[in-house]
Protein backbone atom coordinates (compact mmCIF):
# COMPACT_ATOMS: atom_id res chain seq x y z
CA MET A 1 -11.41 35.80 92.14
CA ARG A 2 -9.41 37.22 95.07
CA THR A 3 -12.21 39.10 96.83
CA ASP A 4 -9.96 39.81 99.83
CA LEU A 5 -7.95 42.20 97.66
CA PHE A 6 -10.88 44.58 97.18
CA THR A 7 -10.14 46.23 100.53
CA ASP A 8 -6.48 45.41 101.19
CA PRO A 9 -4.34 48.59 101.18
CA VAL A 10 -2.06 49.23 98.20
CA ASP A 11 1.49 50.12 99.21
CA GLY A 12 2.39 53.75 98.53
CA LEU A 13 -1.05 54.68 97.22
CA ASP A 14 -2.03 57.05 100.02
CA GLU A 15 1.35 58.79 99.92
CA ALA A 16 1.15 59.40 96.15
CA LEU A 17 -2.40 60.73 96.32
CA SER A 18 -1.50 62.92 99.30
CA ALA A 19 1.24 64.61 97.25
CA VAL A 20 -1.19 65.08 94.36
CA ASP A 21 -3.79 66.61 96.68
CA ALA A 22 -1.20 68.97 98.14
CA PHE A 23 -0.33 70.26 94.67
CA ASP A 24 -3.99 70.48 93.65
CA ARG A 25 -4.67 72.80 96.59
CA VAL A 26 -1.91 75.06 95.27
CA LEU A 27 -3.88 75.60 92.06
CA VAL A 28 -6.98 76.75 93.97
CA SER A 29 -5.39 80.07 94.96
CA GLY A 30 -2.99 80.23 92.03
CA LEU A 31 0.72 80.85 91.68
CA LEU A 32 0.80 84.58 91.11
CA ARG A 33 1.48 85.36 94.79
CA PRO A 34 2.08 82.04 96.54
CA ARG A 35 1.50 81.73 100.27
CA PRO A 36 3.61 79.57 102.64
CA ASP A 37 1.04 76.75 102.60
CA GLN A 38 1.25 76.70 98.80
CA ALA A 39 5.03 76.45 98.98
CA ALA A 40 4.56 73.40 101.20
CA GLY A 41 2.29 71.83 98.59
CA LEU A 42 4.88 72.41 95.87
CA THR A 43 7.58 70.88 98.06
CA ALA A 44 5.41 67.81 98.66
CA LEU A 45 5.09 67.27 94.90
CA ALA A 46 8.85 67.65 94.38
CA THR A 47 9.61 65.27 97.25
CA ALA A 48 7.26 62.62 95.82
CA VAL A 49 9.26 62.44 92.57
CA ALA A 50 12.69 62.87 94.17
CA GLY A 51 13.84 59.41 93.12
CA THR A 52 12.81 59.76 89.48
CA PRO A 53 14.35 61.33 86.35
CA LEU A 54 12.04 64.30 86.95
CA ALA A 55 13.65 65.14 90.30
CA ALA A 56 15.93 68.02 89.33
CA LEU A 57 13.44 69.68 86.96
CA VAL A 58 10.58 69.51 89.43
CA ALA A 59 12.68 70.68 92.38
CA GLU A 60 13.72 73.76 90.40
CA ALA A 61 10.13 74.33 89.23
CA ALA A 62 8.80 74.06 92.79
CA ASP A 63 11.34 76.61 94.04
CA LYS A 64 10.52 79.07 91.25
CA ALA A 65 6.77 78.62 91.70
CA ALA A 66 7.04 79.12 95.47
CA ALA A 67 8.80 82.42 94.78
CA GLY A 68 6.10 83.51 92.32
CA ALA A 69 8.52 83.37 89.41
CA ALA A 70 7.42 80.19 87.60
CA GLY A 71 7.77 80.32 83.83
CA GLU A 72 6.09 78.13 81.26
CA ASP A 73 8.76 75.41 81.45
CA HIS A 74 8.42 75.27 85.23
CA LEU A 75 4.64 74.85 85.05
CA VAL A 76 5.05 72.11 82.45
CA ALA A 77 7.45 70.30 84.80
CA LEU A 78 4.93 70.51 87.65
CA ALA A 79 2.20 69.16 85.38
CA ALA A 80 4.48 66.31 84.32
CA ALA A 81 5.24 65.42 87.94
CA ARG A 82 1.56 65.31 88.85
CA THR A 83 0.77 63.18 85.79
CA ALA A 84 3.60 60.79 86.70
CA LEU A 85 2.20 60.37 90.21
CA MET A 86 -1.32 59.69 88.93
CA GLY A 87 0.18 57.26 86.44
CA SER A 88 1.93 55.41 89.25
CA VAL A 89 -1.38 55.18 91.11
CA HIS A 90 -3.02 53.81 87.98
CA ASP A 91 -0.28 51.21 87.55
CA ALA A 92 -0.52 50.06 91.17
CA LEU A 93 -4.29 49.73 90.93
CA THR A 94 -4.21 47.85 87.61
CA GLU A 95 -1.72 45.42 89.12
CA ARG A 96 -4.14 44.93 92.00
CA VAL A 97 -6.99 44.36 89.52
CA ALA A 98 -4.88 41.73 87.75
CA ASP A 99 -4.35 39.99 91.09
CA ILE A 100 -8.10 40.12 91.78
CA THR A 101 -9.20 38.76 88.38
CA GLY A 102 -6.27 36.46 87.70
CA ARG A 103 -6.05 37.78 84.14
CA ARG A 104 -2.80 38.93 82.65
CA ARG A 105 -2.26 42.26 80.92
CA ALA A 106 -0.98 42.47 77.36
CA GLU A 107 2.49 43.91 76.88
CA ARG A 108 3.27 46.95 74.79
CA ASN A 109 5.42 45.64 71.96
CA THR A 110 5.13 48.31 69.31
CA PRO A 111 6.44 51.81 70.12
CA ASP A 112 4.24 54.74 69.23
CA ALA A 113 5.08 56.09 65.80
CA ALA A 114 5.96 59.77 65.72
CA ALA A 115 3.54 61.95 63.80
CA ASP A 116 4.08 65.25 62.06
CA GLU A 117 3.86 67.93 64.71
CA PRO A 118 0.64 69.86 63.97
CA GLY A 119 -0.07 73.46 64.87
CA ALA A 120 2.98 74.34 66.95
CA ASN A 121 1.89 77.99 67.20
CA VAL A 122 -1.66 77.27 68.30
CA LEU A 123 -0.45 74.68 70.81
CA ALA A 124 1.91 77.29 72.24
CA ALA A 125 -1.04 79.67 72.56
CA ALA A 126 -3.02 76.99 74.40
CA ARG A 127 -0.09 76.40 76.73
CA ALA A 128 0.17 80.14 77.45
CA TRP A 129 -3.55 80.26 78.36
CA LEU A 130 -3.16 77.27 80.67
CA CYS A 131 -0.21 78.98 82.37
CA ASP A 132 -2.35 82.08 82.93
CA LEU A 133 -4.97 79.84 84.55
CA ALA A 134 -2.41 78.33 86.92
CA ARG A 135 -1.19 81.77 87.96
CA ALA A 136 -4.73 83.07 88.57
CA GLY A 137 -5.92 79.90 90.31
CA TRP A 138 -9.47 78.61 90.34
CA GLN A 139 -10.52 81.31 92.78
CA GLY A 140 -9.09 83.97 90.49
CA ILE A 141 -10.82 83.05 87.24
CA ASP A 142 -13.13 85.54 85.55
CA HIS A 143 -14.92 85.66 82.21
CA ASP A 144 -12.16 87.63 80.49
CA LEU A 145 -9.52 85.05 81.45
CA VAL A 146 -11.67 82.07 80.47
CA ALA A 147 -12.66 83.69 77.18
CA GLY A 148 -9.02 83.53 76.14
CA ALA A 149 -9.53 79.88 75.23
CA ALA A 150 -12.12 80.61 72.53
CA PRO A 151 -9.78 81.78 69.74
CA VAL A 152 -7.38 78.93 70.53
CA VAL A 153 -10.14 76.33 70.24
CA SER A 154 -11.39 77.92 67.01
CA ALA A 155 -7.90 77.70 65.52
CA MET A 156 -7.53 74.05 66.56
CA LEU A 157 -10.85 72.65 65.34
CA PRO A 158 -10.17 72.79 61.57
CA ASP A 159 -7.18 70.43 62.02
CA PRO A 160 -8.37 66.84 62.68
CA ARG A 161 -5.07 66.10 64.41
CA LEU A 162 -5.88 68.74 67.04
CA ARG A 163 -9.51 67.80 67.70
CA ARG A 164 -8.57 65.93 70.87
CA GLN A 165 -6.87 68.97 72.38
CA ALA A 166 -9.60 71.31 71.11
CA THR A 167 -12.37 69.22 72.67
CA LEU A 168 -10.55 69.07 76.00
CA LEU A 169 -9.87 72.82 76.08
CA ASP A 170 -13.40 73.67 74.99
CA GLY A 171 -14.99 71.49 77.67
CA PHE A 172 -12.61 72.75 80.35
CA ALA A 173 -13.26 76.37 79.43
CA ALA A 174 -17.02 75.77 79.46
CA GLU A 175 -16.85 74.38 83.01
CA LEU A 176 -14.77 77.32 84.16
CA ALA A 177 -17.07 79.83 82.46
CA ALA A 178 -20.08 78.33 84.21
CA SER A 179 -18.29 78.87 87.55
CA CYS A 180 -17.16 82.47 87.05
CA PRO A 181 -16.25 84.46 89.00
CA GLY A 182 -14.12 82.00 90.93
CA ALA A 183 -13.99 84.21 94.01
CA THR A 184 -17.67 83.45 94.71
CA LEU A 185 -17.42 79.67 94.45
CA ASP A 186 -18.66 77.78 97.50
CA ARG A 187 -17.10 74.53 96.32
CA VAL A 188 -14.24 74.00 93.90
CA PRO A 189 -13.87 70.66 92.03
CA VAL A 190 -10.20 70.60 93.01
CA ARG A 191 -9.18 67.15 91.72
CA ARG A 192 -11.18 67.37 88.50
CA TRP A 193 -9.91 70.77 87.41
CA ALA A 194 -6.34 69.85 88.27
CA ASP A 195 -6.77 66.66 86.18
CA LEU A 196 -8.04 68.66 83.22
CA TRP A 197 -5.33 71.30 83.57
CA THR A 198 -2.42 68.85 83.72
CA ARG A 199 -3.74 66.72 80.85
CA ALA A 200 -4.37 69.77 78.66
CA MET A 201 -0.91 71.12 79.47
CA LEU A 202 0.90 67.93 78.48
CA LEU A 203 -1.14 67.50 75.29
CA THR A 204 0.25 70.83 74.04
CA LEU A 205 3.84 69.56 74.12
CA PRO A 206 5.79 68.40 71.04
CA GLY A 207 5.55 64.64 70.74
CA ALA A 208 2.34 64.34 72.76
CA VAL A 209 0.33 63.81 69.59
CA ARG A 210 1.25 60.36 68.35
CA THR A 211 -0.22 58.22 65.63
CA GLN A 212 -1.81 55.12 67.07
CA ALA A 213 -0.15 51.78 66.51
CA LEU A 214 -2.82 49.87 64.60
CA SER A 215 -3.33 46.23 63.75
CA THR A 216 -6.35 44.48 62.28
CA ALA A 217 -8.84 42.20 64.00
CA THR A 218 -10.34 39.24 62.15
CA GLY A 219 -12.46 36.84 64.17
CA ARG A 220 -15.47 36.70 66.47
CA LEU A 221 -16.59 39.52 68.76
CA LEU A 222 -18.68 38.58 71.81
CA PRO A 223 -20.29 41.62 73.50
CA LEU A 224 -20.33 41.73 77.31
CA GLY A 225 -22.20 44.96 77.96
CA VAL A 226 -22.72 48.62 77.09
CA ASP A 227 -21.55 51.57 79.16
CA VAL A 228 -23.51 54.77 78.44
CA GLN A 229 -22.01 58.15 79.33
CA GLU A 230 -24.36 61.09 79.02
CA HIS A 231 -23.84 64.84 79.29
CA ALA A 232 -26.14 67.74 78.55
CA THR A 233 -24.88 68.18 74.98
CA ALA A 234 -23.25 64.83 74.13
CA VAL A 235 -23.67 61.09 74.63
CA GLN A 236 -21.33 58.13 74.20
CA ALA A 237 -21.92 54.39 74.26
CA GLN A 238 -18.95 52.09 74.77
CA VAL A 239 -19.36 48.37 74.11
CA HIS A 240 -17.07 46.10 76.12
CA ALA A 241 -16.45 42.74 74.46
CA VAL A 242 -14.24 39.68 74.18
CA PHE A 243 -12.53 39.19 70.82
CA GLU A 244 -11.59 35.70 69.65
CA PRO A 245 -9.03 35.91 66.81
CA ALA A 246 -9.65 33.64 63.82
CA ASP A 247 -5.99 32.57 63.85
CA GLY A 248 -6.44 30.80 67.20
CA HIS A 249 -4.50 33.29 69.32
CA GLU A 250 -5.72 33.86 72.87
CA PRO A 251 -8.85 36.02 73.33
CA ARG A 252 -8.48 39.64 74.37
CA LEU A 253 -10.71 42.32 75.85
CA VAL A 254 -11.60 45.12 73.45
CA ARG A 255 -13.86 48.17 73.34
CA ALA A 256 -15.76 50.04 70.65
CA ALA A 257 -17.25 53.46 71.25
CA VAL A 258 -19.60 55.76 69.39
CA SER A 259 -20.56 59.29 70.39
CA ALA A 260 -22.90 61.98 69.13
CA PRO A 261 -23.92 65.53 70.01
CA LYS A 262 -27.41 65.82 71.45
CA PRO A 263 -29.98 68.42 72.51
CA ASP A 264 -30.61 68.47 76.23
CA THR A 265 -34.25 67.46 75.66
CA VAL A 266 -33.25 64.02 74.35
CA VAL A 267 -32.74 61.72 77.34
CA GLY A 268 -33.32 58.13 78.39
CA ALA A 269 -34.05 55.60 75.66
CA GLY A 270 -34.16 58.40 73.10
CA LEU A 271 -30.37 58.50 73.18
CA TRP A 272 -30.22 55.33 71.08
CA GLN A 273 -31.81 57.18 68.16
CA LEU A 274 -28.74 59.39 68.00
CA LEU A 275 -26.23 56.54 68.37
CA ARG A 276 -27.85 53.58 66.63
CA PRO A 277 -27.34 54.68 63.01
CA ARG A 278 -23.63 55.25 63.63
CA MET A 279 -22.60 51.73 64.70
CA SER A 280 -24.21 48.36 63.96
CA LEU A 281 -22.51 46.84 67.01
CA LEU A 282 -25.07 48.53 69.27
CA ALA A 283 -27.91 46.49 67.78
CA ALA A 284 -25.87 43.29 68.11
CA ALA A 285 -25.06 44.09 71.75
CA GLY A 286 -28.71 44.89 72.49
CA GLU A 287 -29.85 41.64 70.89
CA CYS A 288 -27.01 39.60 72.49
CA ARG A 289 -25.46 38.52 69.19
CA THR A 290 -21.88 37.98 68.12
CA MET A 291 -20.26 39.91 65.29
CA GLU A 292 -17.81 38.55 62.74
CA LEU A 293 -14.97 40.99 62.11
CA ASP A 294 -12.84 41.05 58.96
CA GLY A 295 -9.82 43.34 59.10
CA MET A 296 -11.29 45.75 61.69
CA PRO A 297 -8.65 48.30 62.77
CA VAL A 298 -7.76 48.00 66.46
CA THR A 299 -5.32 49.97 68.59
CA GLU A 300 -2.81 48.46 70.95
CA GLU A 301 -5.00 49.75 73.78
CA GLY A 302 -7.84 47.49 72.61
CA ASP A 303 -10.03 50.16 70.99
CA LEU A 304 -11.75 49.04 67.80
CA LEU A 305 -11.93 51.81 65.19
CA TRP A 306 -15.36 50.69 64.14
CA ASP A 307 -16.33 50.39 60.47
CA ASP A 308 -19.67 48.73 59.68
CA ALA A 309 -18.29 47.56 56.35
CA GLN A 310 -15.87 45.25 58.17
CA ALA A 311 -18.40 43.56 60.44
CA ARG A 312 -21.49 41.40 60.09
CA THR A 313 -23.94 40.18 62.68
CA GLY A 314 -23.51 36.59 63.83
CA GLU A 315 -25.31 34.09 66.02
CA PRO A 316 -27.03 34.64 69.39
CA VAL A 317 -24.74 34.54 72.41
CA ASP A 318 -25.23 34.78 76.17
CA PRO A 319 -22.92 37.44 77.67
CA PHE A 320 -23.02 35.63 81.02
CA GLY A 321 -21.98 32.41 79.27
CA THR A 322 -19.15 34.31 77.58
CA ALA A 323 -18.05 35.69 80.94
CA ARG A 324 -18.15 32.28 82.64
CA VAL A 325 -16.27 30.44 79.90
CA ILE A 326 -13.92 32.92 78.23
CA LEU A 327 -13.52 36.09 80.31
CA SER A 328 -10.99 34.60 82.73
CA THR A 329 -8.72 33.59 79.82
CA ALA A 330 -8.81 36.93 77.99
CA THR A 331 -5.92 39.38 78.25
CA ASP A 332 -6.55 42.93 79.45
CA PRO A 333 -5.42 45.70 77.09
CA VAL A 334 -2.49 48.00 77.81
CA THR A 335 -3.00 51.67 78.60
CA ALA A 336 -1.48 54.54 76.62
CA PRO A 337 1.12 56.45 78.68
CA LEU A 338 -0.81 59.72 78.94
CA ASP A 339 -4.05 57.84 79.70
CA ARG A 340 -2.69 56.29 82.90
CA HIS A 341 -5.12 57.65 85.47
CA PRO A 342 -7.26 55.89 88.12
CA ALA A 343 -10.43 57.29 86.54
CA ARG A 344 -9.67 55.34 83.35
CA ILE A 345 -9.86 51.95 85.09
CA ALA A 346 -12.94 50.06 83.85
CA VAL A 347 -12.33 46.30 83.87
CA PRO A 348 -15.07 43.77 82.96
CA VAL A 349 -15.69 41.22 85.73
CA LEU A 350 -18.32 38.62 86.59
CA LEU A 351 -19.50 38.26 90.18
CA GLU A 352 -21.65 35.39 91.46
CA GLY A 353 -22.66 33.93 94.80
CA TYR A 354 -22.82 37.26 96.62
CA ALA A 355 -25.24 38.60 99.18
CA VAL A 356 -26.71 42.04 98.51
CA GLU A 357 -26.50 44.48 101.39
CA ASP A 358 -28.27 47.82 101.60
CA GLU A 359 -26.08 50.28 103.48
CA ASP A 360 -27.09 53.57 105.08
CA GLY A 361 -28.18 56.08 102.50
CA GLY A 362 -29.52 53.41 100.13
CA ARG A 363 -26.11 52.42 98.82
CA LEU A 364 -25.83 48.81 97.68
CA SER A 365 -22.86 46.54 98.22
CA PHE A 366 -22.07 42.92 97.38
CA ALA A 367 -20.72 40.70 100.14
CA LEU A 368 -18.46 37.92 98.82
CA ALA A 369 -16.64 35.53 101.13
CA GLY A 370 -16.78 38.04 103.96
CA HIS A 371 -15.60 40.98 101.86
CA ARG A 372 -17.66 43.88 100.55
CA LEU A 373 -17.63 45.61 97.18
CA ALA A 374 -19.60 48.83 96.76
CA VAL A 375 -22.02 48.95 93.81
CA ASP A 376 -22.26 52.24 91.92
CA THR A 377 -25.91 52.25 90.88
CA ASP A 378 -25.68 55.95 89.96
CA ARG A 379 -23.83 54.86 86.81
CA ILE A 380 -26.75 52.72 85.60
CA PRO A 381 -28.15 54.58 82.55
CA THR A 382 -31.81 55.47 82.24
CA ALA A 383 -31.57 54.38 78.59
CA GLY A 384 -32.17 50.72 79.46
CA PRO A 385 -34.24 48.35 81.59
CA LEU A 386 -31.55 47.76 84.21
CA THR A 387 -32.47 49.39 87.54
CA PRO A 388 -31.02 49.50 91.06
CA GLU A 389 -33.95 47.32 92.14
CA ALA A 390 -32.96 44.64 89.61
CA VAL A 391 -29.39 44.78 90.87
CA ALA A 392 -30.58 44.41 94.47
CA ALA A 393 -32.54 41.29 93.51
CA SER A 394 -29.75 39.73 91.43
CA GLY A 395 -27.70 36.59 91.90
CA ALA A 396 -25.04 37.29 89.26
CA CYS A 397 -23.67 40.58 87.95
CA LEU A 398 -21.58 41.41 84.92
CA GLY A 399 -20.00 44.82 85.39
CA LEU A 400 -17.01 47.12 85.26
CA LEU A 401 -14.60 47.23 88.19
CA ARG A 402 -13.66 50.87 88.79
CA TRP A 403 -11.75 52.95 91.33
CA ASP A 404 -13.64 55.87 92.78
CA ALA A 405 -13.22 57.99 95.91
CA GLY A 406 -10.51 55.76 97.36
CA GLU A 407 -12.12 52.35 96.87
CA PHE A 408 -13.00 49.76 94.27
CA VAL A 409 -16.61 49.93 93.08
CA LEU A 410 -18.66 47.91 90.63
CA GLN A 411 -20.65 49.49 87.80
CA PRO A 412 -23.36 46.97 86.76
CA LEU A 413 -23.76 46.30 83.04
CA ALA A 414 -26.12 43.33 83.36
CA VAL A 415 -27.58 41.09 86.05
CA GLU A 416 -29.25 37.73 86.33
CA THR A 417 -32.35 37.99 88.49
CA THR A 418 -35.75 36.40 89.04
CA VAL A 419 -38.91 37.97 87.63
CA ARG A 420 -42.22 36.23 88.38
CA LYS A 421 -40.37 33.10 89.46
CA LYS A 422 -38.46 32.98 86.20
CA ALA A 423 -34.71 33.54 85.82
CA VAL A 424 -33.97 36.38 83.41
CA ALA A 425 -31.01 38.50 82.37
CA VAL A 426 -31.42 42.28 82.41
CA HIS A 427 -28.91 44.33 80.39
CA ALA A 428 -28.24 48.07 80.57
CA GLY A 429 -27.86 48.12 76.77
CA ALA A 430 -30.87 45.95 75.97
CA TRP A 431 -32.65 48.80 74.17
CA ALA A 432 -29.66 49.75 72.03
CA GLY A 433 -31.07 48.10 68.90
CA GLY A 434 -34.71 48.91 69.60
CA THR A 435 -37.29 47.59 72.04
CA THR A 436 -40.86 46.46 72.47
CA ASP A 437 -40.71 47.28 76.19
CA LYS A 438 -43.53 49.73 76.99
CA VAL A 439 -41.28 52.09 78.95
CA GLY A 440 -38.64 52.06 76.22
CA VAL A 441 -41.19 52.62 73.46
CA ARG A 442 -42.68 55.62 75.27
CA ALA A 443 -39.24 57.13 75.84
CA GLU A 444 -38.24 56.66 72.19
CA LYS A 445 -41.50 58.25 71.00
CA ALA A 446 -40.96 61.25 73.28
CA ALA A 447 -37.44 61.63 71.92
CA THR A 448 -38.71 61.38 68.34
CA ASP A 449 -41.22 64.14 69.00
CA SER A 450 -38.54 66.35 70.60
CA VAL A 451 -36.13 65.90 67.68
CA ALA A 452 -38.92 66.61 65.17
CA VAL A 453 -39.79 69.87 66.94
CA LEU A 454 -36.14 70.93 67.09
CA ARG A 455 -35.63 70.18 63.40
CA GLU A 456 -38.72 72.19 62.51
CA ARG A 457 -37.53 75.15 64.54
CA ALA A 458 -34.03 74.93 63.06
CA GLY A 459 -35.54 74.85 59.57
CA LYS A 460 -37.57 78.00 60.29
CA LEU A 461 -34.48 79.80 61.57
CA LEU A 462 -32.50 78.85 58.47
CA ARG A 463 -35.30 79.97 56.17
CA ALA A 464 -35.55 83.24 58.06
């Protein structure tokens, strides 16, 4: 592993992100009455894509927006330019990751198949609402403006082909509503809201909704670790694994995810009660077992469309052994065009032979061959036995290499450490299939009691 590349600068990265930041600041005040500093931000975006096929469209859009006369097409062009810049940052970083790990990335061979265009009218309504947001700016939002998303989301939800857009708009609108009125905000999440706005804008365009190019996976699945993402009303578990095809082709990295709505009182190990019945892979990952797949649908991006009927639990396997023997030979999946964003980078890696350093503020880092890699212990879920203390005492770490706040960071999924003079492996997803651990058992019981109370109350309301 090329540890020296963790901190080496990436050519053009700062310039691309600077142009993105300049445009993002434009959206804070909005485009209804642009100021000179906003015109400069628009010019920076247009200059950054001057050598691309978007050049003429974005230059015209920047001029119109600076004059306060931007129409829908102009705002779409600006969103496309920002997305292209973030995509270029993603590509540069994934190339750097490939240099670090020495693994090659799979090539996109099958073009996306065009789907029937669903809900043209409702998508146009969503686009109009997003344009109104851009004109008002984040400091100009109020409850009346944000409420305009509600009928659009309601019209989208009945169509399964529009659930992706509906979920994005609904979540975005909820964040904005919680921050209204924008004029009183002390701090604006500038990058995040600009990310959500540009993605939502492009997903309303004809051709953005594409059917996934699917193949089938038959062979052995070897789990590496489980990434848990929790919000107040939803939870998702994503299993990262190596897939060995039965036909002898080279192994590849794949993912399988399951999500569920949740009440905000269910936290910690109780989350597994919501997820466990939906995907048998969680139990296999928690017990460190392989799974035999037979015709499991898989996208070109490496996402398994999980069906329990096409999988059966196999033999015990050591994820660290898998990482040491097979991980370096597996190919990384490709990324869908509209998903090219630095925040989407999450690459499984194995680190060994490092020294753990505790920086100011309690932040951990791993020192390898004179180079440091920050460790993001905030991403360690409370739904498992893995803790920052276990990471600090570890000698090997299996995790996800991410890009956050301008640097590479490591999200631990599992570590090898010493407990009572005995070498043990501690996994973040160890409780996914159930546990006898006292802490885990108590947390699951508390979650069971909370769910029982909520069900009883819901039953009373329905009967009333």
